[in-house]
């Protein structure tokens, strides 16, 4: 079935809407808690990084740091894995920008005025207004910065979404119903070929995560993608030993798919 990817302003009501959609269609949600559980399976280092860095705007150093690249690769691999299970809702985590240009993915942005979200946070967490305002501002800034730094996209650009809702002016159940109807319409976009693109990208994402989380491998550049028929490996390695390690990981992870290997050694 079609996939729902939700981008949320902090405390805009996204979890409530996602729950209603899930109950109606039998969909399963994936958000911060589920991503954290996945990171735990990858090891304590990655679990701690997720707690420390979740949707924080990376510094210039972070973007080129081995562990941060591994962290992002793991998160993207999980998003693809969850989506490929079918009947999936991806909440936040940049999911709308990971699952890009797949015709059966419905990308929804949920927003609400700043003061409404501050009030909701105060009611839920029993904190003062000043503290709530600081948390909402900081969280919004971090999410905007993360999407811009990692995916080069503008969080506020409405062209990045199929639907945008103001959860302060529309009740949750009404928003959920509109989304359910849109997902049912998106179901018509699923074909064996379009679904294979998702599954192929999921394989590529797992391979990339395995390479970038291997402490013995520090490739300067790496791209693993799916072109519709083959897994495509592109990048630069330092030496023959590193090239061999990367290729061994790839060949053991293809899951029966063909490979186009465009890996090169750095010229000295």
C-alpha atoms as a PDB file:
ATOM      1  CA  UNK A   1       0.000   0.000   0.000  1.00  0.00           C
ATOM      2  CA  UNK A   2       0.983   3.657  -0.362  1.00  0.00           C
ATOM      3  CA  UNK A   3       3.450   5.084   2.153  1.00  0.00           C
ATOM      4  CA  UNK A   4       2.862   8.140   4.323  1.00  0.00           C
ATOM      5  CA  UNK A   5       5.849  10.387   5.102  1.00  0.00           C
ATOM      6  CA  UNK A   6       5.070  13.155   7.591  1.00  0.00           C
ATOM      7  CA  UNK A   7       7.126  16.281   8.257  1.00  0.00           C
ATOM      8  CA  UNK A   8       6.075  17.947  11.475  1.00  0.00           C
ATOM      9  CA  UNK A   9       6.443  21.198  13.278  1.00  0.00           C
ATOM     10  CA  UNK A  10       7.225  20.319  16.887  1.00  0.00           C
ATOM     11  CA  UNK A  11       4.000  19.690  18.867  1.00  0.00           C
ATOM     12  CA  UNK A  12       1.840  20.295  15.812  1.00  0.00           C
ATOM     13  CA  UNK A  13      -0.218  17.142  16.411  1.00  0.00           C
ATOM     14  CA  UNK A  14       1.497  14.816  13.986  1.00  0.00           C
ATOM     15  CA  UNK A  15       1.574  11.821  16.296  1.00  0.00           C
ATOM     16  CA  UNK A  16      -2.151  12.112  16.920  1.00  0.00           C
ATOM     17  CA  UNK A  17      -2.943  12.327  13.210  1.00  0.00           C
ATOM     18  CA  UNK A  18      -0.598   9.442  12.397  1.00  0.00           C
ATOM     19  CA  UNK A  19      -2.275   7.280  15.033  1.00  0.00           C
ATOM     20  CA  UNK A  20      -5.712   7.942  13.525  1.00  0.00           C
ATOM     21  CA  UNK A  21      -4.463   7.100  10.030  1.00  0.00           C
ATOM     22  CA  UNK A  22      -2.775   3.955  11.309  1.00  0.00           C
ATOM     23  CA  UNK A  23      -5.902   2.767  13.093  1.00  0.00           C
ATOM     24  CA  UNK A  24      -8.013   3.290   9.981  1.00  0.00           C
ATOM     25  CA  UNK A  25      -5.705   1.560   7.489  1.00  0.00           C
ATOM     26  CA  UNK A  26      -3.728  -0.826   9.689  1.00  0.00           C
ATOM     27  CA  UNK A  27      -0.531   1.133   9.097  1.00  0.00           C
ATOM     28  CA  UNK A  28       2.449   1.026  11.472  1.00  0.00           C
ATOM     29  CA  UNK A  29       4.178   4.222  12.572  1.00  0.00           C
ATOM     30  CA  UNK A  30       7.905   4.761  12.638  1.00  0.00           C
ATOM     31  CA  UNK A  31       9.246   7.735  14.529  1.00  0.00           C
ATOM     32  CA  UNK A  32      11.909   8.571  17.062  1.00  0.00           C
ATOM     33  CA  UNK A  33      11.300   5.622  19.415  1.00  0.00           C
ATOM     34  CA  UNK A  34      11.391   3.065  16.609  1.00  0.00           C
ATOM     35  CA  UNK A  35      14.509   4.637  15.090  1.00  0.00           C
ATOM     36  CA  UNK A  36      16.211   4.515  18.490  1.00  0.00           C
ATOM     37  CA  UNK A  37      15.382   0.819  18.820  1.00  0.00           C
ATOM     38  CA  UNK A  38      16.940   0.198  15.395  1.00  0.00           C
ATOM     39  CA  UNK A  39      20.081   2.109  16.416  1.00  0.00           C
ATOM     40  CA  UNK A  40      20.365  -0.097  19.503  1.00  0.00           C
ATOM     41  CA  UNK A  41      20.601  -3.171  17.281  1.00  0.00           C
ATOM     42  CA  UNK A  42      23.512  -1.534  15.437  1.00  0.00           C
ATOM     43  CA  UNK A  43      25.465  -1.019  18.670  1.00  0.00           C
ATOM     44  CA  UNK A  44      25.830   1.243  21.667  1.00  0.00           C
ATOM     45  CA  UNK A  45      27.892   3.836  19.807  1.00  0.00           C
ATOM     46  CA  UNK A  46      25.063   4.446  17.330  1.00  0.00           C
ATOM     47  CA  UNK A  47      22.372   4.492  19.995  1.00  0.00           C
ATOM     48  CA  UNK A  48      24.273   7.197  21.875  1.00  0.00           C
ATOM     49  CA  UNK A  49      24.859   9.208  18.705  1.00  0.00           C
ATOM     50  CA  UNK A  50      21.148   9.079  17.967  1.00  0.00           C
ATOM     51  CA  UNK A  51      20.361  10.410  21.449  1.00  0.00           C
ATOM     52  CA  UNK A  52      22.942  13.165  21.052  1.00  0.00           C
ATOM     53  CA  UNK A  53      22.358  14.150  17.421  1.00  0.00           C
ATOM     54  CA  UNK A  54      18.760  13.289  16.518  1.00  0.00           C
ATOM     55  CA  UNK A  55      17.754  15.882  13.896  1.00  0.00           C
ATOM     56  CA  UNK A  56      20.297  18.367  15.215  1.00  0.00           C
ATOM     57  CA  UNK A  57      21.764  20.644  12.590  1.00  0.00           C
ATOM     58  CA  UNK A  58      25.239  19.235  11.842  1.00  0.00           C
ATOM     59  CA  UNK A  59      28.264  21.464  11.897  1.00  0.00           C
ATOM     60  CA  UNK A  60      30.614  21.567   8.931  1.00  0.00           C
ATOM     61  CA  UNK A  61      32.853  19.151  10.825  1.00  0.00           C
ATOM     62  CA  UNK A  62      29.968  16.752  11.502  1.00  0.00           C
ATOM     63  CA  UNK A  63      29.099  16.510   7.832  1.00  0.00           C
ATOM     64  CA  UNK A  64      32.525  15.052   7.089  1.00  0.00           C
ATOM     65  CA  UNK A  65      32.960  13.101  10.325  1.00  0.00           C
ATOM     66  CA  UNK A  66      32.984   9.311   9.904  1.00  0.00           C
ATOM     67  CA  UNK A  67      30.589   8.623  12.766  1.00  0.00           C
ATOM     68  CA  UNK A  68      28.091  11.253  11.694  1.00  0.00           C
ATOM     69  CA  UNK A  69      28.026   9.900   8.143  1.00  0.00           C
ATOM     70  CA  UNK A  70      27.436   6.452   9.576  1.00  0.00           C
ATOM     71  CA  UNK A  71      24.656   7.752  11.788  1.00  0.00           C
ATOM     72  CA  UNK A  72      22.809   9.342   8.858  1.00  0.00           C
ATOM     73  CA  UNK A  73      23.325   6.227   6.718  1.00  0.00           C
ATOM     74  CA  UNK A  74      21.855   4.009   9.450  1.00  0.00           C
ATOM     75  CA  UNK A  75      18.865   6.283   9.865  1.00  0.00           C
ATOM     76  CA  UNK A  76      18.179   6.297   6.123  1.00  0.00           C
ATOM     77  CA  UNK A  77      18.563   2.508   5.976  1.00  0.00           C
ATOM     78  CA  UNK A  78      15.958   2.173   8.714  1.00  0.00           C
ATOM     79  CA  UNK A  79      13.526   4.512   6.940  1.00  0.00           C
ATOM     80  CA  UNK A  80      13.793   2.447   3.773  1.00  0.00           C
ATOM     81  CA  UNK A  81      13.484  -0.808   5.705  1.00  0.00           C
ATOM     82  CA  UNK A  82      10.325   0.365   7.441  1.00  0.00           C
ATOM     83  CA  UNK A  83       8.820   1.697   4.223  1.00  0.00           C
ATOM     84  CA  UNK A  84       9.513  -1.538   2.335  1.00  0.00           C
ATOM     85  CA  UNK A  85       7.545  -3.542   4.910  1.00  0.00           C
ATOM     86  CA  UNK A  86       4.357  -2.000   3.477  1.00  0.00           C
ATOM     87  CA  UNK A  87       1.580  -0.120   5.304  1.00  0.00           C
ATOM     88  CA  UNK A  88       4.166   2.309   6.636  1.00  0.00           C
ATOM     89  CA  UNK A  89       4.005   5.745   8.232  1.00  0.00           C
ATOM     90  CA  UNK A  90       7.348   7.518   8.549  1.00  0.00           C
ATOM     91  CA  UNK A  91       7.172  10.339  11.087  1.00  0.00           C
ATOM     92  CA  UNK A  92       9.889  12.977  10.840  1.00  0.00           C
ATOM     93  CA  UNK A  93      13.548  11.899  10.614  1.00  0.00           C
ATOM     94  CA  UNK A  94      13.762  13.524   7.168  1.00  0.00           C
ATOM     95  CA  UNK A  95      11.598  10.731   5.733  1.00  0.00           C
ATOM     96  CA  UNK A  96       9.909  13.016   3.190  1.00  0.00           C
ATOM     97  CA  UNK A  97      13.341  13.802   1.758  1.00  0.00           C
ATOM     98  CA  UNK A  98      14.697  10.243   1.917  1.00  0.00           C
ATOM     99  CA  UNK A  99      11.708   8.694   0.128  1.00  0.00           C
ATOM    100  CA  UNK A 100      11.861  11.190  -2.682  1.00  0.00           C
ATOM    101  CA  UNK A 101      10.296  10.837  -6.163  1.00  0.00           C
ATOM    102  CA  UNK A 102       8.511   7.568  -5.380  1.00  0.00           C
ATOM    103  CA  UNK A 103       5.017   7.981  -6.859  1.00  0.00           C
ATOM    104  CA  UNK A 104       3.231   6.038  -4.118  1.00  0.00           C
ATOM    105  CA  UNK A 105       4.692   8.063  -1.231  1.00  0.00           C
ATOM    106  CA  UNK A 106       2.362  10.735   0.152  1.00  0.00           C
ATOM    107  CA  UNK A 107       4.430  13.562   1.642  1.00  0.00           C
ATOM    108  CA  UNK A 108       2.507  15.558   4.232  1.00  0.00           C
ATOM    109  CA  UNK A 109       3.562  18.582   6.259  1.00  0.00           C
ATOM    110  CA  UNK A 110       1.733  19.311   9.499  1.00  0.00           C
ATOM    111  CA  UNK A 111       2.079  22.738  11.059  1.00  0.00           C
ATOM    112  CA  UNK A 112       0.487  24.960  13.696  1.00  0.00           C
ATOM    113  CA  UNK A 113       1.150  28.497  14.960  1.00  0.00           C
ATOM    114  CA  UNK A 114       4.060  28.916  17.352  1.00  0.00           C
ATOM    115  CA  UNK A 115       1.878  29.989  20.271  1.00  0.00           C
ATOM    116  CA  UNK A 116      -0.425  26.993  19.847  1.00  0.00           C
ATOM    117  CA  UNK A 117       2.490  24.591  19.919  1.00  0.00           C
ATOM    118  CA  UNK A 118       3.966  26.314  22.966  1.00  0.00           C
ATOM    119  CA  UNK A 119       0.662  25.929  24.787  1.00  0.00           C
ATOM    120  CA  UNK A 120       0.427  22.253  23.870  1.00  0.00           C
ATOM    121  CA  UNK A 121       3.940  21.637  25.157  1.00  0.00           C
ATOM    122  CA  UNK A 122       3.176  23.456  28.406  1.00  0.00           C
ATOM    123  CA  UNK A 123       0.066  21.315  28.932  1.00  0.00           C
ATOM    124  CA  UNK A 124       1.796  18.048  28.112  1.00  0.00           C
ATOM    125  CA  UNK A 125       5.051  18.617  29.970  1.00  0.00           C
ATOM    126  CA  UNK A 126       3.848  20.911  32.768  1.00  0.00           C
ATOM    127  CA  UNK A 127       6.571  23.487  32.202  1.00  0.00           C
ATOM    128  CA  UNK A 128       6.534  27.258  32.121  1.00  0.00           C
ATOM    129  CA  UNK A 129       5.916  29.420  29.075  1.00  0.00           C
ATOM    130  CA  UNK A 130       9.506  30.646  28.689  1.00  0.00           C
ATOM    131  CA  UNK A 131      10.942  27.141  28.856  1.00  0.00           C
ATOM    132  CA  UNK A 132       8.342  25.891  26.362  1.00  0.00           C
ATOM    133  CA  UNK A 133       9.090  28.724  23.938  1.00  0.00           C
ATOM    134  CA  UNK A 134      12.814  27.951  24.079  1.00  0.00           C
ATOM    135  CA  UNK A 135      12.247  24.238  23.424  1.00  0.00           C
ATOM    136  CA  UNK A 136       9.922  24.848  20.473  1.00  0.00           C
ATOM    137  CA  UNK A 137      12.277  27.400  18.885  1.00  0.00           C
ATOM    138  CA  UNK A 138      15.330  25.202  19.384  1.00  0.00           C
ATOM    139  CA  UNK A 139      13.615  22.088  18.022  1.00  0.00           C
ATOM    140  CA  UNK A 140      12.243  23.908  14.977  1.00  0.00           C
ATOM    141  CA  UNK A 141      15.664  25.387  14.212  1.00  0.00           C
ATOM    142  CA  UNK A 142      17.350  22.000  14.532  1.00  0.00           C
ATOM    143  CA  UNK A 143      14.882  20.281  12.178  1.00  0.00           C
ATOM    144  CA  UNK A 144      15.141  23.015   9.554  1.00  0.00           C
ATOM    145  CA  UNK A 145      18.936  22.937   9.737  1.00  0.00           C
ATOM    146  CA  UNK A 146      19.146  19.143   9.550  1.00  0.00           C
ATOM    147  CA  UNK A 147      17.054  18.944   6.368  1.00  0.00           C
ATOM    148  CA  UNK A 148      19.015  21.764   4.749  1.00  0.00           C
ATOM    149  CA  UNK A 149      22.430  20.386   5.663  1.00  0.00           C
ATOM    150  CA  UNK A 150      21.811  16.730   4.808  1.00  0.00           C
ATOM    151  CA  UNK A 151      19.381  16.955   1.875  1.00  0.00           C
ATOM    152  CA  UNK A 152      19.895  20.510   0.631  1.00  0.00           C
ATOM    153  CA  UNK A 153      16.154  21.161   0.869  1.00  0.00           C
ATOM    154  CA  UNK A 154      14.140  24.003   2.337  1.00  0.00           C
ATOM    155  CA  UNK A 155      11.877  22.705   5.118  1.00  0.00           C
ATOM    156  CA  UNK A 156       9.406  25.522   4.443  1.00  0.00           C
ATOM    157  CA  UNK A 157       9.183  25.081   0.657  1.00  0.00           C
ATOM    158  CA  UNK A 158       5.678  23.772   0.019  1.00  0.00           C
ATOM    159  CA  UNK A 159       6.803  22.176  -3.246  1.00  0.00           C
ATOM    160  CA  UNK A 160       8.453  19.484  -1.132  1.00  0.00           C
ATOM    161  CA  UNK A 161       5.056  18.195   0.037  1.00  0.00           C
ATOM    162  CA  UNK A 162       1.878  16.831  -1.492  1.00  0.00           C
ATOM    163  CA  UNK A 163      -0.312  18.244   1.284  1.00  0.00           C
ATOM    164  CA  UNK A 164       0.102  20.824   4.044  1.00  0.00           C
ATOM    165  CA  UNK A 165      -2.257  21.087   7.026  1.00  0.00           C
ATOM    166  CA  UNK A 166      -2.645  23.641   9.793  1.00  0.00           C
ATOM    167  CA  UNK A 167      -3.578  21.489  12.776  1.00  0.00           C
ATOM    168  CA  UNK A 168      -4.792  24.544  14.676  1.00  0.00           C
ATOM    169  CA  UNK A 169      -7.623  25.195  12.210  1.00  0.00           C
ATOM    170  CA  UNK A 170      -8.579  21.630  11.227  1.00  0.00           C
ATOM    171  CA  UNK A 171      -9.465  18.860  13.685  1.00  0.00           C
ATOM    172  CA  UNK A 172      -7.189  15.838  13.751  1.00  0.00           C
ATOM    173  CA  UNK A 173      -9.888  13.427  12.582  1.00  0.00           C
ATOM    174  CA  UNK A 174     -10.650  15.602   9.552  1.00  0.00           C
ATOM    175  CA  UNK A 175      -6.980  15.782   8.591  1.00  0.00           C
ATOM    176  CA  UNK A 176      -6.646  12.026   9.054  1.00  0.00           C
ATOM    177  CA  UNK A 177      -9.639  11.341   6.801  1.00  0.00           C
ATOM    178  CA  UNK A 178      -8.218  13.492   3.992  1.00  0.00           C
ATOM    179  CA  UNK A 179      -4.875  11.691   4.300  1.00  0.00           C
ATOM    180  CA  UNK A 180      -6.551   8.259   4.284  1.00  0.00           C
ATOM    181  CA  UNK A 181      -8.426   9.122   1.080  1.00  0.00           C
ATOM    182  CA  UNK A 182      -5.224  10.409  -0.523  1.00  0.00           C
ATOM    183  CA  UNK A 183      -3.314   7.258   0.436  1.00  0.00           C
ATOM    184  CA  UNK A 184      -6.005   5.099  -1.135  1.00  0.00           C
ATOM    185  CA  UNK A 185      -5.655   7.119  -4.330  1.00  0.00           C
ATOM    186  CA  UNK A 186      -1.864   6.757  -4.188  1.00  0.00           C
ATOM    187  CA  UNK A 187      -2.293   2.966  -4.046  1.00  0.00           C
ATOM    188  CA  UNK A 188      -3.020   3.114  -7.770  1.00  0.00           C
ATOM    189  CA  UNK A 189       0.567   4.262  -8.379  1.00  0.00           C
ATOM    190  CA  UNK A 190       2.025   0.996  -7.085  1.00  0.00           C
ATOM    191  CA  UNK A 191       3.217  -1.396  -9.768  1.00  0.00           C
ATOM    192  CA  UNK A 192       5.800  -4.199  -9.598  1.00  0.00           C
ATOM    193  CA  UNK A 193       8.314  -1.832 -11.202  1.00  0.00           C
ATOM    194  CA  UNK A 194       7.715   1.141  -8.899  1.00  0.00           C
ATOM    195  CA  UNK A 195       7.765  -1.065  -5.795  1.00  0.00           C
ATOM    196  CA  UNK A 196      11.005  -2.663  -7.001  1.00  0.00           C
ATOM    197  CA  UNK A 197      12.591   0.797  -7.001  1.00  0.00           C
ATOM    198  CA  UNK A 198      11.782   1.135  -3.299  1.00  0.00           C
ATOM    199  CA  UNK A 199      13.103  -2.338  -2.456  1.00  0.00           C
ATOM    200  CA  UNK A 200      16.233  -1.771  -4.554  1.00  0.00           C
ATOM    201  CA  UNK A 201      16.903   1.518  -2.789  1.00  0.00           C
ATOM    202  CA  UNK A 202      16.435  -0.221   0.546  1.00  0.00           C
ATOM    203  CA  UNK A 203      19.132  -2.741  -0.412  1.00  0.00           C
ATOM    204  CA  UNK A 204      21.427   0.113  -1.478  1.00  0.00           C
ATOM    205  CA  UNK A 205      20.800   1.977   1.780  1.00  0.00           C
ATOM    206  CA  UNK A 206      21.681  -1.110   3.845  1.00  0.00           C
ATOM    207  CA  UNK A 207      24.899  -1.575   1.901  1.00  0.00           C
ATOM    208  CA  UNK A 208      25.870   2.063   2.366  1.00  0.00           C
ATOM    209  CA  UNK A 209      25.165   1.860   6.101  1.00  0.00           C
ATOM    210  CA  UNK A 210      27.258  -1.313   6.443  1.00  0.00           C
ATOM    211  CA  UNK A 211      30.210   0.400   4.760  1.00  0.00           C
ATOM    212  CA  UNK A 212      29.971   3.723   6.602  1.00  0.00           C
ATOM    213  CA  UNK A 213      29.577   2.114  10.043  1.00  0.00           C
ATOM    214  CA  UNK A 214      32.591  -0.165   9.596  1.00  0.00           C
ATOM    215  CA  UNK A 215      35.361   1.340  11.785  1.00  0.00           C
ATOM    216  CA  UNK A 216      38.050  -0.093   9.485  1.00  0.00           C
ATOM    217  CA  UNK A 217      36.786   1.799   6.440  1.00  0.00           C
ATOM    218  CA  UNK A 218      37.082   5.565   5.976  1.00  0.00           C
ATOM    219  CA  UNK A 219      36.262   6.232   2.341  1.00  0.00           C
ATOM    220  CA  UNK A 220      36.579   9.873   1.213  1.00  0.00           C
ATOM    221  CA  UNK A 221      33.495   9.676  -1.004  1.00  0.00           C
ATOM    222  CA  UNK A 222      30.823   7.013  -1.347  1.00  0.00           C
ATOM    223  CA  UNK A 223      27.503   6.659  -3.119  1.00  0.00           C
ATOM    224  CA  UNK A 224      25.402   3.510  -3.257  1.00  0.00           C
ATOM    225  CA  UNK A 225      22.214   3.728  -5.300  1.00  0.00           C
ATOM    226  CA  UNK A 226      19.778   1.679  -7.373  1.00  0.00           C
ATOM    227  CA  UNK A 227      19.269   2.536 -11.032  1.00  0.00           C
ATOM    228  CA  UNK A 228      16.204   0.378 -11.584  1.00  0.00           C
ATOM    229  CA  UNK A 229      18.105  -2.745 -12.542  1.00  0.00           C
ATOM    230  CA  UNK A 230      21.419  -2.728 -10.657  1.00  0.00           C
ATOM    231  CA  UNK A 231      22.987  -1.587  -7.419  1.00  0.00           C
ATOM    232  CA  UNK A 232      25.466   1.144  -8.358  1.00  0.00           C
ATOM    233  CA  UNK A 233      28.618   1.543  -6.276  1.00  0.00           C
ATOM    234  CA  UNK A 234      30.496   4.804  -6.760  1.00  0.00           C
ATOM    235  CA  UNK A 235      33.256   6.435  -4.781  1.00  0.00           C
ATOM    236  CA  UNK A 236      36.928   6.761  -3.985  1.00  0.00           C
ATOM    237  CA  UNK A 237      38.981   4.578  -1.639  1.00  0.00           C
ATOM    238  CA  UNK A 238      42.486   5.073  -0.298  1.00  0.00           C
ATOM    239  CA  UNK A 239      44.105   1.789  -1.289  1.00  0.00           C
ATOM    240  CA  UNK A 240      43.614  -1.748  -2.552  1.00  0.00           C
ATOM    241  CA  UNK A 241      42.929  -3.177   0.923  1.00  0.00           C
ATOM    242  CA  UNK A 242      40.137  -0.659   1.553  1.00  0.00           C
ATOM    243  CA  UNK A 243      38.704  -1.319  -1.901  1.00  0.00           C
ATOM    244  CA  UNK A 244      38.670  -5.046  -1.184  1.00  0.00           C
ATOM    245  CA  UNK A 245      36.875  -4.558   2.145  1.00  0.00           C
ATOM    246  CA  UNK A 246      34.213  -2.351   0.547  1.00  0.00           C
ATOM    247  CA  UNK A 247      33.659  -4.748  -2.328  1.00  0.00           C
ATOM    248  CA  UNK A 248      33.376  -7.727   0.036  1.00  0.00           C
ATOM    249  CA  UNK A 249      30.624  -5.949   1.962  1.00  0.00           C
ATOM    250  CA  UNK A 250      28.794  -5.069  -1.234  1.00  0.00           C
ATOM    251  CA  UNK A 251      29.018  -8.525  -2.792  1.00  0.00           C
ATOM    252  CA  UNK A 252      27.726 -10.160   0.394  1.00  0.00           C
ATOM    253  CA  UNK A 253      24.758  -7.750   0.595  1.00  0.00           C
ATOM    254  CA  UNK A 254      23.344  -7.605  -2.942  1.00  0.00           C
ATOM    255  CA  UNK A 255      20.415  -9.918  -2.148  1.00  0.00           C
ATOM    256  CA  UNK A 256      20.492 -11.338  -5.657  1.00  0.00           C
ATOM    257  CA  UNK A 257      20.741  -8.001  -7.480  1.00  0.00           C
ATOM    258  CA  UNK A 258      23.244  -7.108 -10.175  1.00  0.00           C
ATOM    259  CA  UNK A 259      26.087  -4.683  -9.457  1.00  0.00           C
ATOM    260  CA  UNK A 260      27.695  -1.859 -11.396  1.00  0.00           C
ATOM    261  CA  UNK A 261      31.001  -1.168  -9.688  1.00  0.00           C
ATOM    262  CA  UNK A 262      32.489   2.284 -10.308  1.00  0.00           C
ATOM    263  CA  UNK A 263      34.695   2.369  -7.236  1.00  0.00           C
ATOM    264  CA  UNK A 264      38.118   3.963  -7.797  1.00  0.00           C
ATOM    265  CA  UNK A 265      41.343   4.240  -5.833  1.00  0.00           C
ATOM    266  CA  UNK A 266      42.599   7.677  -4.935  1.00  0.00           C
ATOM    267  CA  UNK A 267      45.490   8.781  -7.076  1.00  0.00           C
ATOM    268  CA  UNK A 268      48.578   9.578  -5.047  1.00  0.00           C
END
